[in-house]
Amino acid sequence: MGFLKFLLITILVLWLLRIVMATLFPWILRRFARKMQEEAMKGFQQGGDPQFRQTQRDRPKKAEGKIRIDYIPPQQASQNGPSSAGEFVDFEEVK
């Protein structure tokens, strides 16, 4: 009888938790999304993120179509030919 009572209470609690979460969780997510949207709009109306504006100001203007390479990794001398290819074994095809 004790196990049956425990099982019934557990099922009832989990069922109620599922119903509460099914109604509460979407409401919380909508509220969070609305709050984030309002903050983004407020930042947009104030002229954007000051940190973003500063980085845009500090970057030098470059001509369109120009590419600047900051780092070129060192390349090893290529060793082509039989000395670097390993051992070669002559073979004859047997029929």
Foldseek 3Di string as FASTA:
>chain_A
DVVVVVVVVVVVVVVVVVVCCVPPVVVVVVVVVVVVVVVVVVCVVVPHDPVVVVVVVPDDDDDPPDDDDDDDDDDDDDDDDDVPPDDDDDDDDDD
